[in-house]
Amino acid sequence: MKPRRLYGLVRWYLRELTGEAAYDRYLDRHRLAHPDEPALPRRDFERLRTDRGDQHPGARCC
């Protein structure tokens, strides 16, 4: 496997693992569903995401 491709795969995996890619997915969905409305800034998105996780812990251990 070429180093550049390997780097891309590792980067993708780490972004998915840490949740970093969630904001990018949010922006993509928001543009499609609400093209005339501004998207949440990243800080507000992360705050809502954290609050939602605290209210609905699901399978989290802590």
N, C-alpha and C. Protein backbone atom coordinates (compact mmCIF):
# COMPACT_ATOMS: atom_id res chain seq x y z
N MET A 1 0.85 -1.17 0.00
CA MET A 1 0.00 0.00 0.00
C MET A 1 0.90 1.24 0.00
N LYS A 2 0.51 2.22 -0.78
CA LYS A 2 1.30 3.45 -0.88
C LYS A 2 1.18 4.26 0.41
N PRO A 3 2.25 4.95 0.80
CA PRO A 3 2.23 5.73 2.04
C PRO A 3 1.12 6.79 2.07
N ARG A 4 0.87 7.41 0.94
CA ARG A 4 -0.17 8.45 0.92
C ARG A 4 -1.55 7.86 1.19
N ARG A 5 -1.82 6.72 0.60
CA ARG A 5 -3.11 6.05 0.83
C ARG A 5 -3.21 5.58 2.28
N LEU A 6 -2.14 5.04 2.79
CA LEU A 6 -2.12 4.59 4.18
C LEU A 6 -2.38 5.77 5.12
N TYR A 7 -1.73 6.89 4.86
CA TYR A 7 -1.95 8.09 5.66
C TYR A 7 -3.43 8.49 5.62
N GLY A 8 -4.03 8.47 4.44
CA GLY A 8 -5.44 8.84 4.30
C GLY A 8 -6.35 7.92 5.08
N LEU A 9 -6.07 6.63 5.05
CA LEU A 9 -6.89 5.67 5.79
C LEU A 9 -6.75 5.86 7.30
N VAL A 10 -5.52 6.07 7.75
CA VAL A 10 -5.29 6.30 9.18
C VAL A 10 -5.98 7.59 9.63
N ARG A 11 -5.86 8.62 8.81
CA ARG A 11 -6.50 9.91 9.14
C ARG A 11 -8.01 9.75 9.22
N TRP A 12 -8.60 9.06 8.24
CA TRP A 12 -10.05 8.83 8.24
C TRP A 12 -10.45 8.07 9.50
N TYR A 13 -9.74 7.00 9.81
CA TYR A 13 -10.06 6.18 10.97
C TYR A 13 -10.01 6.99 12.26
N LEU A 14 -8.97 7.77 12.43
CA LEU A 14 -8.83 8.56 13.65
C LEU A 14 -9.92 9.62 13.76
N ARG A 15 -10.28 10.25 12.65
CA ARG A 15 -11.36 11.25 12.67
C ARG A 15 -12.70 10.61 13.04
N GLU A 16 -12.95 9.40 12.55
CA GLU A 16 -14.18 8.70 12.90
C GLU A 16 -14.15 8.26 14.36
N LEU A 17 -13.03 7.75 14.80
CA LEU A 17 -12.88 7.26 16.16
C LEU A 17 -13.08 8.37 17.19
N THR A 18 -12.53 9.54 16.92
CA THR A 18 -12.61 10.65 17.87
C THR A 18 -13.87 11.49 17.72
N GLY A 19 -14.64 11.28 16.66
CA GLY A 19 -15.85 12.07 16.45
C GLY A 19 -15.60 13.35 15.69
N GLU A 20 -14.39 13.56 15.24
CA GLU A 20 -14.03 14.78 14.52
C GLU A 20 -14.84 14.94 13.23
N ALA A 21 -15.19 13.85 12.59
CA ALA A 21 -15.90 13.89 11.32
C ALA A 21 -17.39 14.21 11.49
N ALA A 22 -17.90 14.18 12.70
CA ALA A 22 -19.33 14.41 12.94
C ALA A 22 -19.75 15.80 12.48
N TYR A 23 -18.93 16.80 12.70
CA TYR A 23 -19.28 18.16 12.29
C TYR A 23 -19.33 18.27 10.77
N ASP A 24 -18.42 17.62 10.08
CA ASP A 24 -18.44 17.63 8.62
C ASP A 24 -19.72 16.98 8.09
N ARG A 25 -20.14 15.87 8.69
CA ARG A 25 -21.38 15.22 8.28
C ARG A 25 -22.57 16.12 8.56
N TYR A 26 -22.55 16.80 9.72
CA TYR A 26 -23.62 17.74 10.06
C TYR A 26 -23.73 18.84 9.01
N LEU A 27 -22.59 19.41 8.61
CA LEU A 27 -22.60 20.47 7.61
C LEU A 27 -23.17 19.99 6.28
N ASP A 28 -22.79 18.79 5.87
CA ASP A 28 -23.31 18.23 4.62
C ASP A 28 -24.82 18.06 4.68
N ARG A 29 -25.32 17.49 5.77
CA ARG A 29 -26.77 17.29 5.91
C ARG A 29 -27.49 18.62 6.00
N HIS A 30 -26.92 19.57 6.73
CA HIS A 30 -27.56 20.87 6.91
C HIS A 30 -27.68 21.61 5.58
N ARG A 31 -26.64 21.56 4.77
CA ARG A 31 -26.68 22.22 3.46
C ARG A 31 -27.78 21.65 2.58
N LEU A 32 -27.99 20.35 2.66
CA LEU A 32 -29.04 19.72 1.85
C LEU A 32 -30.44 20.03 2.38
N ALA A 33 -30.62 19.96 3.69
CA ALA A 33 -31.94 20.12 4.29
C ALA A 33 -32.34 21.58 4.46
N HIS A 34 -31.39 22.45 4.73
CA HIS A 34 -31.68 23.86 5.02
C HIS A 34 -30.69 24.77 4.30
N PRO A 35 -30.74 24.81 2.99
CA PRO A 35 -29.71 25.56 2.24
C PRO A 35 -29.71 27.07 2.51
N ASP A 36 -30.84 27.63 2.95
CA ASP A 36 -30.92 29.07 3.16
C ASP A 36 -30.64 29.50 4.60
N GLU A 37 -30.44 28.53 5.48
CA GLU A 37 -30.20 28.85 6.89
C GLU A 37 -28.73 28.64 7.23
N PRO A 38 -28.18 29.50 8.08
CA PRO A 38 -26.78 29.29 8.48
C PRO A 38 -26.65 28.06 9.39
N ALA A 39 -25.55 27.38 9.27
CA ALA A 39 -25.28 26.21 10.11
C ALA A 39 -24.77 26.67 11.47
N LEU A 40 -24.88 25.79 12.44
CA LEU A 40 -24.33 26.09 13.76
C LEU A 40 -22.81 26.20 13.67
N PRO A 41 -22.25 27.12 14.41
CA PRO A 41 -20.78 27.14 14.52
C PRO A 41 -20.32 25.85 15.20
N ARG A 42 -19.11 25.47 14.95
CA ARG A 42 -18.59 24.21 15.49
C ARG A 42 -18.72 24.15 17.02
N ARG A 43 -18.45 25.24 17.66
CA ARG A 43 -18.51 25.26 19.13
C ARG A 43 -19.92 24.93 19.63
N ASP A 44 -20.94 25.54 19.02
CA ASP A 44 -22.33 25.26 19.41
C ASP A 44 -22.71 23.81 19.08
N PHE A 45 -22.27 23.33 17.92
CA PHE A 45 -22.55 21.95 17.54
C PHE A 45 -21.96 20.99 18.58
N GLU A 46 -20.72 21.21 18.96
CA GLU A 46 -20.08 20.32 19.93
C GLU A 46 -20.76 20.40 21.29
N ARG A 47 -21.21 21.58 21.69
CA ARG A 47 -21.92 21.73 22.97
C ARG A 47 -23.21 20.92 22.95
N LEU A 48 -24.00 21.05 21.86
CA LEU A 48 -25.24 20.28 21.74
C LEU A 48 -24.96 18.78 21.73
N ARG A 49 -23.92 18.40 21.03
CA ARG A 49 -23.55 16.98 20.95
C ARG A 49 -23.17 16.44 22.33
N THR A 50 -22.43 17.21 23.08
CA THR A 50 -22.03 16.80 24.43
C THR A 50 -23.25 16.72 25.35
N ASP A 51 -24.10 17.75 25.29
CA ASP A 51 -25.32 17.75 26.11
C ASP A 51 -26.21 16.56 25.79
N ARG A 52 -26.37 16.27 24.50
CA ARG A 52 -27.19 15.13 24.08
C ARG A 52 -26.61 13.83 24.61
N GLY A 53 -25.29 13.71 24.56
CA GLY A 53 -24.64 12.51 25.08
C GLY A 53 -24.81 12.36 26.58
N ASP A 54 -24.82 13.47 27.30
CA ASP A 54 -25.01 13.43 28.75
C ASP A 54 -26.45 13.06 29.10
N GLN A 55 -27.41 13.52 28.31
CA GLN A 55 -28.82 13.24 28.58
C GLN A 55 -29.20 11.82 28.20
N HIS A 56 -28.54 11.28 27.18
CA HIS A 56 -28.85 9.93 26.68
C HIS A 56 -27.56 9.13 26.56
N PRO A 57 -27.05 8.62 27.67
CA PRO A 57 -25.74 7.98 27.66
C PRO A 57 -25.67 6.71 26.81
N GLY A 58 -26.75 6.00 26.62
CA GLY A 58 -26.73 4.81 25.77
C GLY A 58 -25.72 3.77 26.26
N ALA A 59 -24.81 3.40 25.39
CA ALA A 59 -23.87 2.31 25.71
C ALA A 59 -22.55 2.81 26.29
N ARG A 60 -22.48 4.09 26.62
CA ARG A 60 -21.22 4.60 27.19
C ARG A 60 -20.99 3.98 28.56
N CYS A 61 -19.76 3.82 28.90
CA CYS A 61 -19.43 3.19 30.17
C CYS A 61 -19.45 4.19 31.33
N CYS A 62 -19.20 5.47 31.06
CA CYS A 62 -19.07 6.45 32.15
C CYS A 62 -19.95 7.66 31.93
